[in-house]
N, C-alpha and C. Protein backbone atom coordinates (compact mmCIF):
# COMPACT_ATOMS: atom_id res chain seq x y z
N MET A 1 3.28 94.81 134.02
CA MET A 1 3.61 94.34 132.69
C MET A 1 3.14 95.36 131.65
N LEU A 2 1.92 95.86 131.86
CA LEU A 2 1.40 96.84 130.90
C LEU A 2 2.20 98.13 130.91
N LEU A 3 2.63 98.58 132.07
CA LEU A 3 3.45 99.79 132.15
C LEU A 3 4.77 99.60 131.40
N ALA A 4 5.39 98.45 131.56
CA ALA A 4 6.64 98.17 130.84
C ALA A 4 6.42 98.24 129.33
N LEU A 5 5.31 97.68 128.87
CA LEU A 5 4.99 97.74 127.43
C LEU A 5 4.74 99.16 126.96
N ILE A 6 3.98 99.93 127.77
CA ILE A 6 3.68 101.31 127.40
C ILE A 6 4.95 102.13 127.25
N VAL A 7 5.86 101.99 128.20
CA VAL A 7 7.12 102.72 128.14
C VAL A 7 7.91 102.34 126.89
N TRP A 8 8.04 101.03 126.64
CA TRP A 8 8.86 100.55 125.54
C TRP A 8 8.24 100.90 124.18
N ILE A 9 7.00 100.52 123.98
CA ILE A 9 6.35 100.74 122.69
C ILE A 9 6.10 102.23 122.46
N GLY A 10 5.67 102.93 123.51
CA GLY A 10 5.47 104.37 123.39
C GLY A 10 6.75 105.10 123.03
N GLY A 11 7.86 104.67 123.63
CA GLY A 11 9.15 105.28 123.31
C GLY A 11 9.53 105.07 121.85
N ILE A 12 9.31 103.88 121.35
CA ILE A 12 9.64 103.60 119.94
C ILE A 12 8.77 104.45 119.02
N ILE A 13 7.48 104.52 119.31
CA ILE A 13 6.57 105.31 118.47
C ILE A 13 6.97 106.79 118.50
N PHE A 14 7.24 107.32 119.69
CA PHE A 14 7.65 108.72 119.79
C PHE A 14 8.96 108.97 119.04
N PHE A 15 9.92 108.08 119.23
CA PHE A 15 11.21 108.22 118.57
C PHE A 15 11.06 108.23 117.04
N ALA A 16 10.35 107.24 116.52
CA ALA A 16 10.27 107.05 115.06
C ALA A 16 9.39 108.08 114.36
N PHE A 17 8.30 108.46 115.00
CA PHE A 17 7.33 109.30 114.31
C PHE A 17 7.34 110.77 114.73
N VAL A 18 8.05 111.09 115.83
CA VAL A 18 8.09 112.49 116.28
C VAL A 18 9.53 113.00 116.37
N LEU A 19 10.34 112.37 117.22
CA LEU A 19 11.67 112.89 117.50
C LEU A 19 12.59 112.92 116.27
N ALA A 20 12.82 111.77 115.66
CA ALA A 20 13.77 111.71 114.53
C ALA A 20 13.35 112.62 113.38
N PRO A 21 12.09 112.56 112.91
CA PRO A 21 11.71 113.46 111.82
C PRO A 21 11.85 114.95 112.18
N THR A 22 11.52 115.30 113.41
CA THR A 22 11.63 116.70 113.84
C THR A 22 13.08 117.15 113.84
N LEU A 23 13.95 116.32 114.40
CA LEU A 23 15.37 116.69 114.45
C LEU A 23 15.96 116.87 113.06
N PHE A 24 15.64 115.94 112.15
CA PHE A 24 16.21 116.04 110.81
C PHE A 24 15.61 117.19 110.00
N SER A 25 14.46 117.71 110.42
CA SER A 25 13.89 118.86 109.73
C SER A 25 14.42 120.19 110.28
N LEU A 26 14.94 120.18 111.53
CA LEU A 26 15.38 121.43 112.16
C LEU A 26 16.89 121.59 112.24
N LEU A 27 17.61 120.50 112.30
CA LEU A 27 19.06 120.55 112.51
C LEU A 27 19.80 120.06 111.27
N SER A 28 21.10 120.30 111.26
CA SER A 28 21.92 119.72 110.19
C SER A 28 21.90 118.20 110.35
N VAL A 29 22.24 117.50 109.29
CA VAL A 29 22.24 116.04 109.33
C VAL A 29 23.18 115.54 110.42
N ASN A 30 24.35 116.15 110.54
CA ASN A 30 25.32 115.73 111.54
C ASN A 30 24.80 115.96 112.96
N GLN A 31 24.24 117.15 113.21
CA GLN A 31 23.70 117.44 114.54
C GLN A 31 22.53 116.51 114.88
N ALA A 32 21.62 116.35 113.92
CA ALA A 32 20.46 115.47 114.15
C ALA A 32 20.92 114.04 114.40
N GLY A 33 21.91 113.58 113.64
CA GLY A 33 22.44 112.24 113.82
C GLY A 33 23.02 112.02 115.21
N ASN A 34 23.71 113.02 115.73
CA ASN A 34 24.28 112.91 117.07
C ASN A 34 23.18 112.82 118.13
N VAL A 35 22.13 113.63 117.99
CA VAL A 35 21.03 113.59 118.96
C VAL A 35 20.28 112.27 118.84
N VAL A 36 20.03 111.84 117.61
CA VAL A 36 19.32 110.57 117.39
C VAL A 36 20.12 109.41 117.97
N SER A 37 21.41 109.41 117.78
CA SER A 37 22.26 108.34 118.31
C SER A 37 22.16 108.26 119.83
N SER A 38 22.26 109.39 120.49
CA SER A 38 22.15 109.41 121.96
C SER A 38 20.76 109.01 122.41
N SER A 39 19.74 109.49 121.70
CA SER A 39 18.35 109.16 122.05
C SER A 39 18.07 107.67 121.84
N LEU A 40 18.63 107.11 120.79
CA LEU A 40 18.42 105.69 120.50
C LEU A 40 19.07 104.83 121.59
N THR A 41 20.22 105.25 122.08
CA THR A 41 20.87 104.53 123.18
C THR A 41 19.96 104.54 124.42
N ALA A 42 19.40 105.70 124.74
CA ALA A 42 18.48 105.79 125.88
C ALA A 42 17.25 104.91 125.65
N LEU A 43 16.72 104.93 124.43
CA LEU A 43 15.56 104.11 124.10
C LEU A 43 15.87 102.62 124.26
N HIS A 44 17.04 102.21 123.81
CA HIS A 44 17.44 100.81 123.95
C HIS A 44 17.52 100.40 125.42
N TRP A 45 18.10 101.25 126.25
CA TRP A 45 18.20 100.92 127.68
C TRP A 45 16.82 100.88 128.33
N MET A 46 15.92 101.77 127.89
CA MET A 46 14.53 101.70 128.36
C MET A 46 13.91 100.36 127.96
N GLY A 47 14.19 99.91 126.76
CA GLY A 47 13.67 98.63 126.28
C GLY A 47 14.22 97.46 127.06
N ILE A 48 15.51 97.49 127.34
CA ILE A 48 16.14 96.41 128.10
C ILE A 48 15.53 96.33 129.51
N LEU A 49 15.38 97.48 130.16
CA LEU A 49 14.77 97.51 131.49
C LEU A 49 13.30 97.09 131.42
N SER A 50 12.59 97.55 130.41
CA SER A 50 11.18 97.17 130.26
C SER A 50 11.03 95.66 130.05
N ALA A 51 11.92 95.07 129.28
CA ALA A 51 11.88 93.62 129.07
C ALA A 51 12.10 92.89 130.39
N ALA A 52 13.06 93.35 131.17
CA ALA A 52 13.33 92.72 132.47
C ALA A 52 12.12 92.82 133.39
N VAL A 53 11.50 93.99 133.42
CA VAL A 53 10.32 94.18 134.27
C VAL A 53 9.18 93.29 133.78
N PHE A 54 8.92 93.30 132.46
CA PHE A 54 7.83 92.51 131.92
C PHE A 54 8.03 91.03 132.22
N LEU A 55 9.21 90.51 131.92
CA LEU A 55 9.46 89.08 132.11
C LEU A 55 9.42 88.68 133.59
N THR A 56 9.92 89.54 134.46
CA THR A 56 9.85 89.26 135.90
C THR A 56 8.40 89.23 136.38
N CYS A 57 7.62 90.24 135.98
CA CYS A 57 6.20 90.28 136.38
C CYS A 57 5.43 89.10 135.79
N SER A 58 5.74 88.74 134.57
CA SER A 58 5.07 87.62 133.93
C SER A 58 5.39 86.32 134.68
N LEU A 59 6.64 86.15 135.06
CA LEU A 59 7.03 84.96 135.83
C LEU A 59 6.31 84.93 137.18
N LEU A 60 6.29 86.06 137.86
CA LEU A 60 5.61 86.12 139.16
C LEU A 60 4.12 85.84 139.01
N TYR A 61 3.52 86.37 137.96
CA TYR A 61 2.10 86.11 137.72
C TYR A 61 1.87 84.62 137.45
N ASN A 62 2.75 84.03 136.65
CA ASN A 62 2.62 82.60 136.35
C ASN A 62 2.77 81.73 137.59
N LEU A 63 3.51 82.20 138.58
CA LEU A 63 3.70 81.45 139.81
C LEU A 63 2.58 81.69 140.82
N SER A 64 1.74 82.67 140.54
CA SER A 64 0.66 83.00 141.48
C SER A 64 -0.46 81.98 141.37
N LYS A 65 -1.36 82.05 142.32
CA LYS A 65 -2.50 81.13 142.33
C LYS A 65 -3.55 81.51 141.30
N TYR A 66 -3.39 82.66 140.63
CA TYR A 66 -4.38 83.14 139.67
C TYR A 66 -4.15 82.68 138.24
N ALA A 67 -3.04 82.04 137.99
CA ALA A 67 -2.70 81.70 136.61
C ALA A 67 -2.33 80.24 136.48
N ARG A 68 -2.56 79.74 135.29
CA ARG A 68 -2.01 78.43 134.92
C ARG A 68 -0.59 78.69 134.42
N PRO A 69 0.40 78.02 134.98
CA PRO A 69 1.79 78.32 134.61
C PRO A 69 2.05 78.15 133.11
N LYS A 70 2.61 79.18 132.50
CA LYS A 70 2.99 79.17 131.08
C LYS A 70 4.28 79.97 130.91
N PRO A 71 5.39 79.49 131.42
CA PRO A 71 6.62 80.29 131.35
C PRO A 71 7.08 80.55 129.91
N PHE A 72 6.72 79.69 128.97
CA PHE A 72 7.12 79.91 127.59
C PHE A 72 5.92 80.26 126.73
N ALA A 73 5.01 81.03 127.31
CA ALA A 73 3.85 81.51 126.56
C ALA A 73 4.34 82.36 125.40
N VAL A 74 3.53 82.46 124.37
CA VAL A 74 3.89 83.24 123.17
C VAL A 74 4.28 84.66 123.55
N VAL A 75 3.55 85.24 124.49
CA VAL A 75 3.84 86.62 124.89
C VAL A 75 5.26 86.76 125.43
N ASN A 76 5.71 85.79 126.22
CA ASN A 76 7.07 85.84 126.75
C ASN A 76 8.11 85.62 125.65
N VAL A 77 7.82 84.76 124.72
CA VAL A 77 8.72 84.54 123.58
C VAL A 77 8.84 85.81 122.76
N PHE A 78 7.72 86.49 122.52
CA PHE A 78 7.75 87.76 121.77
C PHE A 78 8.62 88.79 122.50
N VAL A 79 8.47 88.89 123.81
CA VAL A 79 9.27 89.86 124.57
C VAL A 79 10.75 89.49 124.51
N MET A 80 11.06 88.20 124.57
CA MET A 80 12.46 87.78 124.45
C MET A 80 13.03 88.11 123.06
N LEU A 81 12.20 87.96 122.02
CA LEU A 81 12.64 88.35 120.67
C LEU A 81 12.84 89.87 120.58
N MET A 82 11.93 90.62 121.20
CA MET A 82 12.08 92.08 121.23
C MET A 82 13.39 92.46 121.93
N LEU A 83 13.66 91.79 123.04
CA LEU A 83 14.90 92.06 123.78
C LEU A 83 16.12 91.71 122.94
N ALA A 84 16.08 90.58 122.26
CA ALA A 84 17.21 90.17 121.41
C ALA A 84 17.46 91.20 120.31
N LEU A 85 16.40 91.65 119.65
CA LEU A 85 16.56 92.67 118.60
C LEU A 85 17.12 93.98 119.16
N THR A 86 16.66 94.35 120.36
CA THR A 86 17.15 95.57 120.99
C THR A 86 18.63 95.45 121.33
N LEU A 87 19.03 94.30 121.86
CA LEU A 87 20.44 94.10 122.20
C LEU A 87 21.32 94.09 120.95
N ILE A 88 20.85 93.45 119.90
CA ILE A 88 21.60 93.44 118.63
C ILE A 88 21.74 94.85 118.09
N SER A 89 20.65 95.60 118.14
CA SER A 89 20.68 96.96 117.65
C SER A 89 21.64 97.82 118.47
N GLN A 90 21.56 97.72 119.78
CA GLN A 90 22.40 98.56 120.64
C GLN A 90 23.87 98.20 120.58
N PHE A 91 24.17 96.93 120.71
CA PHE A 91 25.58 96.54 120.85
C PHE A 91 26.22 96.09 119.54
N GLY A 92 25.43 95.90 118.51
CA GLY A 92 25.97 95.54 117.20
C GLY A 92 25.83 96.67 116.21
N ILE A 93 24.62 96.94 115.80
CA ILE A 93 24.36 97.90 114.72
C ILE A 93 24.72 99.32 115.12
N THR A 94 24.15 99.80 116.23
CA THR A 94 24.33 101.20 116.61
C THR A 94 25.78 101.51 116.95
N SER A 95 26.46 100.62 117.62
CA SER A 95 27.86 100.88 117.96
C SER A 95 28.73 100.95 116.70
N ARG A 96 28.43 100.11 115.71
CA ARG A 96 29.18 100.18 114.45
C ARG A 96 28.86 101.46 113.69
N MET A 97 27.60 101.90 113.73
CA MET A 97 27.23 103.16 113.07
C MET A 97 27.96 104.33 113.73
N ARG A 98 28.04 104.32 115.05
CA ARG A 98 28.72 105.40 115.78
C ARG A 98 30.19 105.47 115.38
N THR A 99 30.82 104.32 115.16
CA THR A 99 32.22 104.28 114.74
C THR A 99 32.39 104.82 113.32
N LEU A 100 31.42 104.52 112.46
CA LEU A 100 31.51 104.96 111.07
C LEU A 100 31.15 106.43 110.86
N ARG A 101 30.33 107.01 111.72
CA ARG A 101 29.82 108.36 111.51
C ARG A 101 30.91 109.38 111.16
N PRO A 102 32.05 109.44 111.88
CA PRO A 102 33.07 110.45 111.52
C PRO A 102 33.71 110.22 110.15
N GLN A 103 33.58 109.02 109.61
CA GLN A 103 34.25 108.68 108.35
C GLN A 103 33.36 108.87 107.11
N ILE A 104 32.06 109.07 107.28
CA ILE A 104 31.15 109.01 106.14
C ILE A 104 31.32 110.17 105.17
N GLU A 105 31.85 111.30 105.64
CA GLU A 105 32.07 112.44 104.73
C GLU A 105 33.24 112.17 103.78
N ALA A 106 34.23 111.44 104.25
CA ALA A 106 35.45 111.24 103.48
C ALA A 106 35.50 109.93 102.71
N SER A 107 34.65 108.98 103.04
CA SER A 107 34.76 107.66 102.45
C SER A 107 33.42 107.17 101.90
N ILE A 108 33.42 106.84 100.63
CA ILE A 108 32.20 106.30 100.00
C ILE A 108 31.87 104.95 100.60
N GLU A 109 32.90 104.15 100.87
CA GLU A 109 32.67 102.83 101.46
C GLU A 109 32.05 102.95 102.85
N ALA A 110 32.58 103.89 103.65
CA ALA A 110 32.04 104.08 105.00
C ALA A 110 30.58 104.55 104.91
N ARG A 111 30.29 105.42 103.95
CA ARG A 111 28.91 105.90 103.78
C ARG A 111 27.98 104.75 103.39
N ALA A 112 28.44 103.91 102.49
CA ALA A 112 27.61 102.77 102.06
C ALA A 112 27.36 101.81 103.22
N GLU A 113 28.39 101.55 104.01
CA GLU A 113 28.23 100.67 105.17
C GLU A 113 27.30 101.30 106.20
N PHE A 114 27.44 102.61 106.43
CA PHE A 114 26.57 103.31 107.36
C PHE A 114 25.10 103.22 106.90
N ASP A 115 24.86 103.44 105.62
CA ASP A 115 23.50 103.36 105.09
C ASP A 115 22.93 101.94 105.23
N ARG A 116 23.76 100.94 104.99
CA ARG A 116 23.32 99.55 105.15
C ARG A 116 22.96 99.26 106.60
N LEU A 117 23.79 99.72 107.52
CA LEU A 117 23.51 99.52 108.94
C LEU A 117 22.26 100.30 109.38
N HIS A 118 22.09 101.49 108.83
CA HIS A 118 20.89 102.27 109.15
C HIS A 118 19.64 101.52 108.71
N HIS A 119 19.71 100.91 107.56
CA HIS A 119 18.58 100.11 107.06
C HIS A 119 18.26 98.97 108.04
N TRP A 120 19.28 98.28 108.53
CA TRP A 120 19.08 97.19 109.48
C TRP A 120 18.59 97.70 110.83
N SER A 121 19.07 98.88 111.23
CA SER A 121 18.61 99.49 112.47
C SER A 121 17.11 99.78 112.38
N THR A 122 16.68 100.33 111.26
CA THR A 122 15.27 100.64 111.05
C THR A 122 14.43 99.37 111.06
N ARG A 123 14.92 98.33 110.40
CA ARG A 123 14.21 97.05 110.40
C ARG A 123 14.12 96.46 111.80
N SER A 124 15.19 96.54 112.54
CA SER A 124 15.22 96.01 113.89
C SER A 124 14.19 96.73 114.77
N GLU A 125 14.19 98.04 114.73
CA GLU A 125 13.23 98.82 115.53
C GLU A 125 11.80 98.54 115.07
N GLY A 126 11.60 98.39 113.76
CA GLY A 126 10.28 98.04 113.26
C GLY A 126 9.83 96.67 113.74
N GLY A 127 10.76 95.74 113.79
CA GLY A 127 10.45 94.40 114.31
C GLY A 127 10.07 94.44 115.77
N VAL A 128 10.79 95.25 116.56
CA VAL A 128 10.47 95.39 117.98
C VAL A 128 9.07 96.00 118.12
N LEU A 129 8.77 96.99 117.30
CA LEU A 129 7.45 97.63 117.37
C LEU A 129 6.33 96.65 117.02
N LEU A 130 6.50 95.91 115.95
CA LEU A 130 5.46 94.95 115.56
C LEU A 130 5.27 93.84 116.60
N LEU A 131 6.37 93.29 117.08
CA LEU A 131 6.28 92.29 118.14
C LEU A 131 5.63 92.88 119.39
N GLY A 132 5.99 94.12 119.69
CA GLY A 132 5.42 94.78 120.86
C GLY A 132 3.92 94.97 120.75
N LEU A 133 3.46 95.32 119.56
CA LEU A 133 2.01 95.45 119.36
C LEU A 133 1.32 94.10 119.55
N GLY A 134 1.98 93.03 119.11
CA GLY A 134 1.46 91.69 119.34
C GLY A 134 1.41 91.37 120.83
N VAL A 135 2.44 91.78 121.57
CA VAL A 135 2.47 91.55 123.01
C VAL A 135 1.34 92.31 123.69
N VAL A 136 1.08 93.53 123.24
CA VAL A 136 -0.01 94.31 123.82
C VAL A 136 -1.33 93.56 123.66
N VAL A 137 -1.60 93.07 122.46
CA VAL A 137 -2.85 92.35 122.20
C VAL A 137 -2.93 91.08 123.06
N LEU A 138 -1.85 90.31 123.08
CA LEU A 138 -1.85 89.06 123.85
C LEU A 138 -1.96 89.31 125.35
N THR A 139 -1.31 90.36 125.83
CA THR A 139 -1.37 90.69 127.25
C THR A 139 -2.76 91.18 127.63
N ALA A 140 -3.35 92.00 126.79
CA ALA A 140 -4.72 92.47 127.06
C ALA A 140 -5.69 91.30 127.10
N ARG A 141 -5.55 90.35 126.19
CA ARG A 141 -6.41 89.16 126.18
C ARG A 141 -6.17 88.31 127.42
N ARG A 142 -4.94 88.27 127.89
CA ARG A 142 -4.57 87.45 129.04
C ARG A 142 -5.33 87.89 130.30
N PHE A 143 -5.56 89.20 130.43
CA PHE A 143 -6.20 89.73 131.62
C PHE A 143 -7.66 90.10 131.43
N SER A 144 -8.22 89.76 130.29
CA SER A 144 -9.65 90.11 130.08
C SER A 144 -10.57 88.95 130.39
């Protein structure tokens, strides 16, 4: 469970605070946007897999003789919310941004919609990060 969290939360932190700022400082906006889009897709799939691993391990732990069963513990609800935000971002927000990207140079409306979606993408990733930090604390307490 902890490894799944490390991969997911670590990936978000690296993406937001290292990768994206570095790309936008070194490349053109269009080039950086293309790399960020591909990287964000990989990050989302890492998150989806991490959620599946975490929830499976949590279920197995709850079924073991070492735990009192809590299938809807707060930690599991937080991970499900993280997963929901990741799925919305990947299949809703990011896919719409990818469709709009070629149009933003020629259309003010497309640019405004892209900027609005980017704002929601940032909020979604921030929500996943905050929930994830909560999961880290709750999971650490669970095993201490």
